[in-house]
Amino acid sequence: MQKGRRLPSWLKMQRASGKNYTMVKHLVAENNLHTICTSGNCPNIGECWNAGTATFMILGDICTRACKFCATRTGKPFPADCGEPVRLAAAIKAMHLRHCVITSVDRDDIEDGGAAFWADTIAYIKVENPRTTIEALIPDFDGVPENISKVIKAGPDVISHNIETVRRLTPLIRTKAKYERSLDVLKYIAGNGAVAKSGFMLGLGETDSEVVETIRDLYATGCRILTIGQYLQPRLDHMPVVDYITPDKFEDYRLLSLEMGFSFVESSPLVRSSFHAEKHVKAR
């Protein structure tokens, strides 16, 4: 989380403590699992873990890419852990989750980007938790349709892929990923009958017209669920915050998106992709 610069009052976060927080922390550690909540320095970890929810991260916690906005470790990952899907399904069962969000690091070191592992993980979760709905927050899999299809065929209730930022800023903050490729991924998801969701950050120097263009581009793919939140600099070697966007401006973008035709929009400073995700599964 960014330090040394005073945050606006609207970016105050709930303290990470409490009975449910401790329970989630224990289950994650006991099952040797990873969460984007901790790896990504999520500002909502206190609220979400106290509510008994977490966004689980599969395929390890070391990413093969080094995006300038992301706090997740980068480097050479360990081999995929074949026991991880089983442990994850058991942890979800122990937490009595009605809805779970699964994401992963990028695994460019694996031939299919980890898509088959994704499909196996979803299958295990469904067997152990038949009443639990699932959101899969996937990487771009290099835009390869066959790999994206593996996740679609596994049947999660929502498939999310974040565009992260506007077209102009994409080469500056995303490693290897491309703006058009992310749009193609979302178009492929929606075009194959799955519920498509995406999200992006504000505060990196984007203009109002660029934000509107991004919202329109996402809508054109068939994406109907959208999250918009404030970028916060994880460490000093990451991209600095250019602006802190006011809650009123976030609300303007929320209303614009709904008027455009999106089914559900989360847009406020502390919103992250999985924030209140249990509501998104109902927006089809």
Protein backbone atom coordinates (compact mmCIF):
# COMPACT_ATOMS: atom_id res chain seq x y z
CA MET A 1 0.00 0.00 0.00
CA GLN A 2 1.25 3.47 -0.85
CA LYS A 3 2.96 5.34 1.98
CA GLY A 4 4.35 8.82 2.34
CA ARG A 5 1.38 10.55 0.71
CA ARG A 6 -1.70 11.44 2.70
CA LEU A 7 -4.76 9.58 1.49
CA PRO A 8 -8.11 11.35 1.09
CA SER A 9 -10.68 10.74 3.82
CA TRP A 10 -12.82 8.58 1.50
CA LEU A 11 -10.02 5.98 1.29
CA LYS A 12 -10.16 4.95 4.95
CA MET A 13 -10.19 1.17 5.32
CA GLN A 14 -11.59 -1.24 7.89
CA ARG A 15 -9.05 -2.68 10.31
CA ALA A 16 -7.96 -6.21 9.45
CA SER A 17 -9.03 -8.03 12.61
CA GLY A 18 -11.95 -9.91 14.15
CA LYS A 19 -13.16 -13.47 14.67
CA ASN A 20 -14.04 -14.20 11.04
CA TYR A 21 -10.83 -12.56 9.83
CA THR A 22 -8.84 -14.90 12.07
CA MET A 23 -10.84 -17.90 10.85
CA VAL A 24 -10.22 -17.12 7.17
CA LYS A 25 -6.54 -16.44 7.84
CA HIS A 26 -6.25 -19.80 9.62
CA LEU A 27 -7.98 -21.76 6.85
CA VAL A 28 -5.82 -20.17 4.16
CA ALA A 29 -2.63 -21.00 6.07
CA GLU A 30 -3.79 -24.48 7.15
CA ASN A 31 -4.53 -25.49 3.55
CA ASN A 32 -1.39 -23.86 2.13
CA LEU A 33 -3.45 -21.60 -0.12
CA HIS A 34 -2.87 -18.15 -1.55
CA THR A 35 -5.22 -15.17 -1.82
CA ILE A 36 -5.04 -12.05 -3.94
CA CYS A 37 -6.24 -10.29 -0.79
CA THR A 38 -2.76 -10.58 0.70
CA SER A 39 -0.64 -10.93 -2.46
CA GLY A 40 -2.31 -7.89 -4.01
CA ASN A 41 -2.44 -5.75 -0.85
CA CYS A 42 -6.22 -5.38 -1.21
CA PRO A 43 -7.60 -2.46 0.85
CA ASN A 44 -10.79 -4.42 1.57
CA ILE A 45 -9.17 -7.39 3.27
CA GLY A 46 -10.55 -6.36 6.67
CA GLU A 47 -14.14 -6.03 5.46
CA CYS A 48 -14.11 -9.12 3.24
CA TRP A 49 -12.35 -11.49 5.62
CA ASN A 50 -14.54 -10.33 8.50
CA ALA A 51 -17.50 -11.24 6.28
CA GLY A 52 -15.98 -14.71 5.82
CA THR A 53 -15.04 -14.25 2.15
CA ALA A 54 -11.74 -14.29 0.29
CA THR A 55 -10.51 -14.31 -3.30
CA PHE A 56 -8.36 -17.41 -3.71
CA MET A 57 -5.34 -17.39 -6.03
CA ILE A 58 -4.33 -20.64 -7.69
CA LEU A 59 -1.14 -21.75 -9.47
CA GLY A 60 1.08 -20.29 -6.76
CA ASP A 61 1.87 -16.72 -5.79
CA ILE A 62 4.70 -15.92 -8.23
CA CYS A 63 3.69 -14.33 -11.53
CA THR A 64 5.63 -14.58 -14.77
CA ARG A 65 4.72 -10.99 -15.61
CA ALA A 66 5.74 -7.79 -13.85
CA CYS A 67 2.90 -5.29 -14.29
CA LYS A 68 3.66 -1.87 -12.84
CA PHE A 69 0.43 -1.65 -10.84
CA CYS A 70 0.40 -5.10 -9.22
CA ALA A 71 1.83 -6.08 -5.84
CA THR A 72 1.99 -9.81 -6.63
CA ARG A 73 5.50 -11.25 -6.66
CA THR A 74 7.13 -11.80 -10.03
CA GLY A 75 9.79 -14.29 -11.06
CA LYS A 76 10.18 -17.97 -11.90
CA PRO A 77 7.21 -19.86 -10.43
CA PHE A 78 7.32 -23.27 -8.80
CA PRO A 79 5.66 -26.18 -10.63
CA ALA A 80 1.87 -26.27 -10.30
CA ASP A 81 0.73 -28.04 -7.11
CA CYS A 82 -1.61 -30.86 -8.15
CA GLY A 83 -3.03 -31.04 -4.61
CA GLU A 84 -4.08 -27.38 -4.59
CA PRO A 85 -7.56 -27.87 -6.18
CA VAL A 86 -8.48 -30.46 -3.56
CA ARG A 87 -7.33 -28.30 -0.66
CA LEU A 88 -9.09 -25.26 -2.09
CA ALA A 89 -12.38 -27.14 -2.48
CA ALA A 90 -12.08 -28.32 1.13
CA ALA A 91 -11.41 -24.79 2.41
CA ILE A 92 -14.43 -23.41 0.55
CA LYS A 93 -16.55 -26.16 2.11
CA ALA A 94 -15.21 -25.39 5.58
CA MET A 95 -16.06 -21.71 5.12
CA HIS A 96 -19.62 -22.59 4.00
CA LEU A 97 -19.29 -20.18 1.08
CA ARG A 98 -22.31 -19.55 -1.11
CA HIS A 99 -20.08 -17.79 -3.64
CA CYS A 100 -16.35 -17.94 -4.26
CA VAL A 101 -13.95 -16.01 -6.48
CA ILE A 102 -10.90 -17.74 -7.93
CA THR A 103 -8.06 -15.93 -9.67
CA SER A 104 -4.48 -16.82 -10.58
CA VAL A 105 -1.09 -15.44 -11.38
CA ASP A 106 -0.03 -15.44 -15.04
CA ARG A 107 1.76 -18.69 -15.88
CA ASP A 108 3.44 -18.05 -19.22
CA ASP A 109 5.80 -20.90 -18.31
CA ILE A 110 2.99 -23.47 -18.79
CA GLU A 111 2.00 -24.47 -22.33
CA ASP A 112 -1.69 -23.59 -21.94
CA GLY A 113 -1.10 -20.83 -19.40
CA GLY A 114 -2.59 -23.03 -16.70
CA ALA A 115 -6.02 -23.31 -18.35
CA ALA A 116 -6.34 -27.08 -17.74
CA PHE A 117 -5.41 -26.55 -14.09
CA TRP A 118 -8.13 -23.89 -13.92
CA ALA A 119 -10.69 -26.33 -15.31
CA ASP A 120 -9.66 -29.04 -12.83
CA THR A 121 -9.91 -26.58 -9.93
CA ILE A 122 -13.43 -25.51 -10.89
CA ALA A 123 -14.46 -29.16 -11.25
CA TYR A 124 -13.19 -30.04 -7.76
CA ILE A 125 -14.96 -27.05 -6.23
CA LYS A 126 -18.24 -28.06 -7.90
CA VAL A 127 -18.03 -31.63 -6.65
CA GLU A 128 -17.37 -30.62 -3.04
CA ASN A 129 -19.57 -27.51 -3.09
CA PRO A 130 -22.49 -28.09 -5.50
CA ARG A 131 -24.46 -25.13 -4.15
CA THR A 132 -21.57 -22.67 -4.29
CA THR A 133 -21.51 -20.27 -7.24
CA ILE A 134 -18.13 -19.54 -8.79
CA GLU A 135 -16.48 -16.53 -10.40
CA ALA A 136 -13.30 -17.21 -12.37
CA LEU A 137 -11.09 -14.12 -12.67
CA ILE A 138 -8.76 -15.30 -15.41
CA PRO A 139 -5.56 -14.06 -17.08
CA ASP A 140 -5.55 -13.53 -20.84
CA PHE A 141 -4.02 -16.96 -21.70
CA ASP A 142 -2.27 -15.08 -24.52
CA GLY A 143 -5.69 -14.76 -26.14
CA VAL A 144 -5.67 -18.40 -27.30
CA PRO A 145 -9.32 -19.47 -27.79
CA GLU A 146 -8.64 -23.14 -26.98
CA ASN A 147 -7.29 -22.18 -23.56
CA ILE A 148 -10.14 -19.81 -22.74
CA SER A 149 -12.56 -22.55 -23.81
CA LYS A 150 -11.20 -24.87 -21.12
CA VAL A 151 -12.42 -22.45 -18.45
CA ILE A 152 -15.73 -21.77 -20.20
CA LYS A 153 -16.48 -25.50 -20.49
CA ALA A 154 -15.77 -25.95 -16.76
CA GLY A 155 -18.90 -23.86 -16.19
CA PRO A 156 -18.17 -21.11 -13.67
CA ASP A 157 -21.12 -18.78 -13.13
CA VAL A 158 -19.14 -15.66 -14.04
CA ILE A 159 -15.90 -15.33 -16.01
CA SER A 160 -14.00 -12.13 -15.37
CA HIS A 161 -10.96 -10.67 -17.11
CA ASN A 162 -9.79 -7.20 -16.17
CA ILE A 163 -8.82 -4.65 -18.80
CA GLU A 164 -7.05 -2.79 -15.93
CA THR A 165 -6.64 0.64 -17.59
CA VAL A 166 -7.34 2.71 -20.70
CA ARG A 167 -5.83 1.96 -24.11
CA ARG A 168 -3.08 4.63 -23.98
CA LEU A 169 -1.76 3.59 -20.57
CA THR A 170 -1.82 -0.17 -21.15
CA PRO A 171 1.76 -0.44 -22.52
CA LEU A 172 3.04 1.60 -19.57
CA ILE A 173 1.61 -0.53 -16.77
CA ARG A 174 0.85 -4.02 -18.15
CA THR A 175 3.57 -6.50 -19.05
CA LYS A 176 2.87 -8.48 -22.26
CA ALA A 177 -0.88 -7.93 -21.97
CA LYS A 178 -2.55 -5.83 -24.66
CA TYR A 179 -5.70 -3.71 -24.55
CA GLU A 180 -7.17 -5.22 -27.73
CA ARG A 181 -6.30 -8.74 -26.61
CA SER A 182 -8.22 -8.25 -23.36
CA LEU A 183 -11.20 -7.01 -25.35
CA ASP A 184 -10.95 -10.10 -27.57
CA VAL A 185 -10.85 -12.37 -24.50
CA LEU A 186 -14.02 -10.79 -23.13
CA LYS A 187 -15.72 -10.95 -26.53
CA TYR A 188 -14.89 -14.65 -26.76
CA ILE A 189 -16.24 -15.31 -23.26
CA ALA A 190 -19.52 -13.48 -23.93
CA GLY A 191 -19.80 -14.90 -27.44
CA ASN A 192 -19.73 -18.42 -26.04
CA GLY A 193 -22.65 -17.85 -23.72
CA ALA A 194 -20.76 -17.16 -20.48
CA VAL A 195 -21.38 -14.16 -18.21
CA ALA A 196 -18.48 -11.75 -18.88
CA LYS A 197 -17.17 -9.28 -16.32
CA SER A 198 -14.29 -6.79 -16.33
CA GLY A 199 -12.78 -3.95 -14.35
CA PHE A 200 -10.26 -1.15 -14.45
CA MET A 201 -8.52 1.40 -12.25
CA LEU A 202 -8.62 5.18 -12.14
CA GLY A 203 -5.92 7.57 -10.97
CA LEU A 204 -3.12 6.66 -13.38
CA GLY A 205 -3.48 9.78 -15.50
CA GLU A 206 -6.36 8.74 -17.74
CA THR A 207 -8.65 11.41 -19.18
CA ASP A 208 -12.42 11.49 -18.89
CA SER A 209 -12.83 10.75 -22.59
CA GLU A 210 -10.49 7.76 -22.29
CA VAL A 211 -12.55 6.35 -19.42
CA VAL A 212 -15.74 6.72 -21.43
CA GLU A 213 -14.06 5.04 -24.42
CA THR A 214 -13.00 2.11 -22.22
CA ILE A 215 -16.51 1.67 -20.86
CA ARG A 216 -17.91 1.69 -24.40
CA ASP A 217 -15.26 -0.77 -25.62
CA LEU A 218 -16.09 -3.17 -22.79
CA TYR A 219 -19.80 -2.95 -23.46
CA ALA A 220 -19.22 -3.70 -27.15
CA THR A 221 -17.58 -7.03 -26.23
CA GLY A 222 -20.75 -8.28 -24.53
CA CYS A 223 -19.36 -7.67 -21.04
CA ARG A 224 -22.23 -6.71 -18.74
CA ILE A 225 -20.67 -6.55 -15.27
CA LEU A 226 -18.16 -3.79 -14.52
CA THR A 227 -15.99 -2.72 -11.58
CA ILE A 228 -14.14 0.59 -11.36
CA GLY A 229 -11.82 1.47 -8.46
CA GLN A 230 -9.00 3.76 -7.38
CA TYR A 231 -5.41 2.72 -8.10
CA LEU A 232 -3.17 2.73 -5.02
CA GLN A 233 0.59 2.41 -5.42
CA PRO A 234 1.68 -0.86 -3.72
CA ARG A 235 5.38 0.01 -3.41
CA LEU A 236 7.76 2.78 -4.45
CA ASP A 237 8.92 0.84 -7.53
CA HIS A 238 5.36 0.73 -8.90
CA MET A 239 3.57 3.37 -10.92
CA PRO A 240 2.77 6.44 -8.80
CA VAL A 241 -0.77 7.68 -8.28
CA VAL A 242 -1.46 10.67 -10.52
CA ASP A 243 -4.90 11.56 -9.12
CA TYR A 244 -7.26 10.53 -6.34
CA ILE A 245 -10.65 10.41 -8.01
CA THR A 246 -13.57 11.68 -5.94
CA PRO A 247 -16.53 9.45 -4.99
CA ASP A 248 -18.80 11.76 -6.98
CA LYS A 249 -16.81 11.13 -10.16
CA PHE A 250 -16.94 7.39 -9.58
CA GLU A 251 -20.71 7.69 -9.23
CA ASP A 252 -20.87 9.57 -12.53
CA TYR A 253 -19.13 6.67 -14.26
CA ARG A 254 -21.42 4.17 -12.55
CA LEU A 255 -24.53 5.94 -13.81
CA LEU A 256 -23.05 6.34 -17.30
CA SER A 257 -22.29 2.61 -17.44
CA LEU A 258 -25.78 1.65 -16.33
CA GLU A 259 -27.32 4.00 -18.89
CA MET A 260 -25.15 2.36 -21.54
CA GLY A 261 -26.67 -1.01 -20.68
CA PHE A 262 -24.44 -2.74 -18.12
CA SER A 263 -26.40 -5.01 -15.80
CA PHE A 264 -24.35 -4.33 -12.66
CA VAL A 265 -21.69 -1.75 -11.91
CA GLU A 266 -19.51 -1.31 -8.82
CA SER A 267 -17.78 2.06 -9.01
CA SER A 268 -16.20 3.74 -5.99
CA PRO A 269 -12.66 4.38 -4.68
CA LEU A 270 -12.24 1.16 -2.69
CA VAL A 271 -13.84 -1.16 -5.24
CA ARG A 272 -11.74 -4.08 -6.44
CA SER A 273 -12.75 -6.74 -8.94
CA SER A 274 -14.07 -9.19 -6.35
CA PHE A 275 -15.66 -6.59 -4.04
CA HIS A 276 -19.27 -7.68 -3.35
CA ALA A 277 -18.81 -10.34 -6.04
CA GLU A 278 -21.67 -12.37 -4.59
CA LYS A 279 -24.02 -9.73 -6.01
CA HIS A 280 -22.51 -9.91 -9.48
CA VAL A 281 -23.48 -13.53 -10.07
CA LYS A 282 -27.12 -12.45 -10.10
CA ALA A 283 -26.58 -9.78 -12.75
CA ARG A 284 -27.04 -11.57 -16.06
